[in-house]
Amino acid sequence: MKIIVTLFVVLFAFYSHSQKVFSVDYASQADVKIFVVDYASQADLKVFKVDYSSQAGKNDGAWFFVDYASQSDKKIFFVDYASQADIKVFFVDYKSQCGWTRSSKKQLFY
């Protein structure tokens, strides 16, 4: 029974893609360039900022901002223009609202 539980935990950790992000200072340091849009309908991803890393989703838009780049799964840079961005996001007020609106960009966070 212990072997099955251990195997399940290992597989879950392997297949879960958490959303721990770190905001870098320069575009050249980033894995993904982000532009924040004014309306949810313009976004590729609706993002909710969670308070704890354990609440971060598996590529579902629940982001936890870490203090150090080494703790992150993705390094992001916020650009000034939509044309510079890899992805457009909109920050939502509730976790139930977060998620992908354009799943074609989903691979950027795997």
C-alpha atoms as a PDB file:
ATOM      1  CA  MET A   1       0.000   0.000   0.000  1.00  0.00           C
ATOM      2  CA  LYS A   2       2.869   2.384   0.818  1.00  0.00           C
ATOM      3  CA  ILE A   3       4.347   1.794  -2.613  1.00  0.00           C
ATOM      4  CA  ILE A   4       1.094   2.740  -4.328  1.00  0.00           C
ATOM      5  CA  VAL A   5       0.759   5.936  -2.286  1.00  0.00           C
ATOM      6  CA  THR A   6       4.386   6.874  -2.954  1.00  0.00           C
ATOM      7  CA  LEU A   7       3.979   6.193  -6.665  1.00  0.00           C
ATOM      8  CA  PHE A   8       0.833   8.314  -6.763  1.00  0.00           C
ATOM      9  CA  VAL A   9       2.576  11.224  -5.025  1.00  0.00           C
ATOM     10  CA  VAL A  10       5.553  11.053  -7.400  1.00  0.00           C
ATOM     11  CA  LEU A  11       3.361  10.891 -10.492  1.00  0.00           C
ATOM     12  CA  PHE A  12       1.185  13.741  -9.251  1.00  0.00           C
ATOM     13  CA  ALA A  13       4.254  15.911  -8.633  1.00  0.00           C
ATOM     14  CA  PHE A  14       5.610  15.044 -12.073  1.00  0.00           C
ATOM     15  CA  TYR A  15       2.410  15.811 -13.961  1.00  0.00           C
ATOM     16  CA  SER A  16       1.308  18.883 -12.055  1.00  0.00           C
ATOM     17  CA  HIS A  17       2.452  22.143 -13.588  1.00  0.00           C
ATOM     18  CA  SER A  18       2.321  24.728 -10.884  1.00  0.00           C
ATOM     19  CA  GLN A  19       2.149  28.404 -11.556  1.00  0.00           C
ATOM     20  CA  LYS A  20       4.856  29.906  -9.393  1.00  0.00           C
ATOM     21  CA  VAL A  21       6.045  32.991 -11.232  1.00  0.00           C
ATOM     22  CA  PHE A  22       8.757  35.560 -10.749  1.00  0.00           C
ATOM     23  CA  SER A  23       8.668  38.996 -12.352  1.00  0.00           C
ATOM     24  CA  VAL A  24      12.084  39.824 -13.827  1.00  0.00           C
ATOM     25  CA  ASP A  25      13.523  43.268 -14.547  1.00  0.00           C
ATOM     26  CA  TYR A  26      14.483  42.734 -18.186  1.00  0.00           C
ATOM     27  CA  ALA A  27      12.722  41.103 -21.131  1.00  0.00           C
ATOM     28  CA  SER A  28      15.831  39.097 -21.982  1.00  0.00           C
ATOM     29  CA  GLN A  29      15.583  37.304 -18.614  1.00  0.00           C
ATOM     30  CA  ALA A  30      11.979  36.203 -19.125  1.00  0.00           C
ATOM     31  CA  ASP A  31      10.547  32.894 -20.227  1.00  0.00           C
ATOM     32  CA  VAL A  32       7.270  34.603 -21.139  1.00  0.00           C
ATOM     33  CA  LYS A  33       6.451  38.250 -21.912  1.00  0.00           C
ATOM     34  CA  ILE A  34       3.113  39.409 -20.495  1.00  0.00           C
ATOM     35  CA  PHE A  35       0.809  42.290 -21.388  1.00  0.00           C
ATOM     36  CA  VAL A  36      -2.010  43.184 -19.000  1.00  0.00           C
ATOM     37  CA  VAL A  37      -5.214  44.053 -20.852  1.00  0.00           C
ATOM     38  CA  ASP A  38      -8.093  46.226 -19.688  1.00  0.00           C
ATOM     39  CA  TYR A  39     -10.907  43.754 -20.351  1.00  0.00           C
ATOM     40  CA  ALA A  40     -11.304  40.018 -19.763  1.00  0.00           C
ATOM     41  CA  SER A  41     -12.513  39.520 -23.332  1.00  0.00           C
ATOM     42  CA  GLN A  42      -9.100  40.656 -24.645  1.00  0.00           C
ATOM     43  CA  ALA A  43      -7.126  38.162 -22.564  1.00  0.00           C
ATOM     44  CA  ASP A  44      -5.558  34.856 -23.492  1.00  0.00           C
ATOM     45  CA  LEU A  45      -5.473  33.988 -19.791  1.00  0.00           C
ATOM     46  CA  LYS A  46      -7.443  35.274 -16.819  1.00  0.00           C
ATOM     47  CA  VAL A  47      -5.160  35.258 -13.763  1.00  0.00           C
ATOM     48  CA  PHE A  48      -5.902  35.185 -10.074  1.00  0.00           C
ATOM     49  CA  LYS A  49      -3.099  35.958  -7.602  1.00  0.00           C
ATOM     50  CA  VAL A  50      -3.141  33.442  -4.740  1.00  0.00           C
ATOM     51  CA  ASP A  51      -1.736  34.059  -1.267  1.00  0.00           C
ATOM     52  CA  TYR A  52       0.129  30.775  -0.810  1.00  0.00           C
ATOM     53  CA  SER A  53       2.207  28.624  -3.143  1.00  0.00           C
ATOM     54  CA  SER A  54       0.101  25.584  -2.267  1.00  0.00           C
ATOM     55  CA  GLN A  55      -2.910  27.345  -3.831  1.00  0.00           C
ATOM     56  CA  ALA A  56      -1.199  27.790  -7.184  1.00  0.00           C
ATOM     57  CA  GLY A  57      -2.914  25.844  -9.911  1.00  0.00           C
ATOM     58  CA  LYS A  58      -1.564  23.530 -12.547  1.00  0.00           C
ATOM     59  CA  ASN A  59      -1.636  25.874 -15.523  1.00  0.00           C
ATOM     60  CA  ASP A  60      -5.108  27.138 -14.737  1.00  0.00           C
ATOM     61  CA  GLY A  61      -4.351  30.813 -14.118  1.00  0.00           C
ATOM     62  CA  ALA A  62      -3.879  30.686 -10.339  1.00  0.00           C
ATOM     63  CA  TRP A  63      -0.476  32.354  -9.886  1.00  0.00           C
ATOM     64  CA  PHE A  64       1.748  32.683  -6.870  1.00  0.00           C
ATOM     65  CA  PHE A  65       4.451  35.340  -7.117  1.00  0.00           C
ATOM     66  CA  VAL A  66       7.664  34.112  -5.498  1.00  0.00           C
ATOM     67  CA  ASP A  67      10.454  36.237  -4.044  1.00  0.00           C
ATOM     68  CA  TYR A  68      13.335  34.663  -5.961  1.00  0.00           C
ATOM     69  CA  ALA A  69      13.764  33.533  -9.558  1.00  0.00           C
ATOM     70  CA  SER A  70      15.122  30.176  -8.408  1.00  0.00           C
ATOM     71  CA  GLN A  71      11.788  29.401  -6.709  1.00  0.00           C
ATOM     72  CA  SER A  72       9.740  30.004  -9.846  1.00  0.00           C
ATOM     73  CA  ASP A  73       8.459  27.721 -12.545  1.00  0.00           C
ATOM     74  CA  LYS A  74       8.326  30.614 -15.015  1.00  0.00           C
ATOM     75  CA  LYS A  75      10.017  33.984 -15.164  1.00  0.00           C
ATOM     76  CA  ILE A  76       7.758  36.667 -16.596  1.00  0.00           C
ATOM     77  CA  PHE A  77       8.265  40.211 -17.818  1.00  0.00           C
ATOM     78  CA  PHE A  78       5.485  42.771 -18.114  1.00  0.00           C
ATOM     79  CA  VAL A  79       5.734  44.635 -21.435  1.00  0.00           C
ATOM     80  CA  ASP A  80       4.315  48.039 -22.313  1.00  0.00           C
ATOM     81  CA  TYR A  81       2.656  47.103 -25.609  1.00  0.00           C
ATOM     82  CA  ALA A  82       0.466  44.181 -26.647  1.00  0.00           C
ATOM     83  CA  SER A  83       2.554  43.633 -29.773  1.00  0.00           C
ATOM     84  CA  GLN A  84       5.595  42.815 -27.587  1.00  0.00           C
ATOM     85  CA  ALA A  85       3.790  40.144 -25.573  1.00  0.00           C
ATOM     86  CA  ASP A  86       3.729  36.383 -25.868  1.00  0.00           C
ATOM     87  CA  ILE A  87       0.490  36.343 -23.925  1.00  0.00           C
ATOM     88  CA  LYS A  88      -2.195  38.801 -22.799  1.00  0.00           C
ATOM     89  CA  VAL A  89      -3.574  38.457 -19.270  1.00  0.00           C
ATOM     90  CA  PHE A  90      -6.367  39.968 -17.249  1.00  0.00           C
ATOM     91  CA  PHE A  91      -6.289  39.859 -13.441  1.00  0.00           C
ATOM     92  CA  VAL A  92      -9.590  38.689 -11.958  1.00  0.00           C
ATOM     93  CA  ASP A  93     -11.035  39.173  -8.472  1.00  0.00           C
ATOM     94  CA  TYR A  94     -12.006  35.569  -7.739  1.00  0.00           C
ATOM     95  CA  LYS A  95     -10.202  32.260  -8.234  1.00  0.00           C
ATOM     96  CA  SER A  96     -13.288  30.753  -9.862  1.00  0.00           C
ATOM     97  CA  GLN A  97     -12.910  33.272 -12.720  1.00  0.00           C
ATOM     98  CA  CYS A  98      -9.354  32.356 -13.693  1.00  0.00           C
ATOM     99  CA  GLY A  99      -8.497  30.174 -16.652  1.00  0.00           C
ATOM    100  CA  TRP A 100      -7.552  30.081 -20.302  1.00  0.00           C
ATOM    101  CA  THR A 101      -9.688  31.790 -22.910  1.00  0.00           C
ATOM    102  CA  ARG A 102      -7.311  30.874 -25.743  1.00  0.00           C
ATOM    103  CA  SER A 103      -5.882  27.431 -25.112  1.00  0.00           C
ATOM    104  CA  SER A 104      -3.486  27.735 -28.068  1.00  0.00           C
ATOM    105  CA  LYS A 105      -1.129  29.707 -25.798  1.00  0.00           C
ATOM    106  CA  LYS A 106      -1.321  27.188 -22.956  1.00  0.00           C
ATOM    107  CA  GLN A 107       1.972  25.509 -23.890  1.00  0.00           C
ATOM    108  CA  LEU A 108       3.881  28.653 -22.845  1.00  0.00           C
ATOM    109  CA  PHE A 109       3.372  27.671 -19.211  1.00  0.00           C
ATOM    110  CA  TYR A 110       4.347  23.985 -19.379  1.00  0.00           C
END
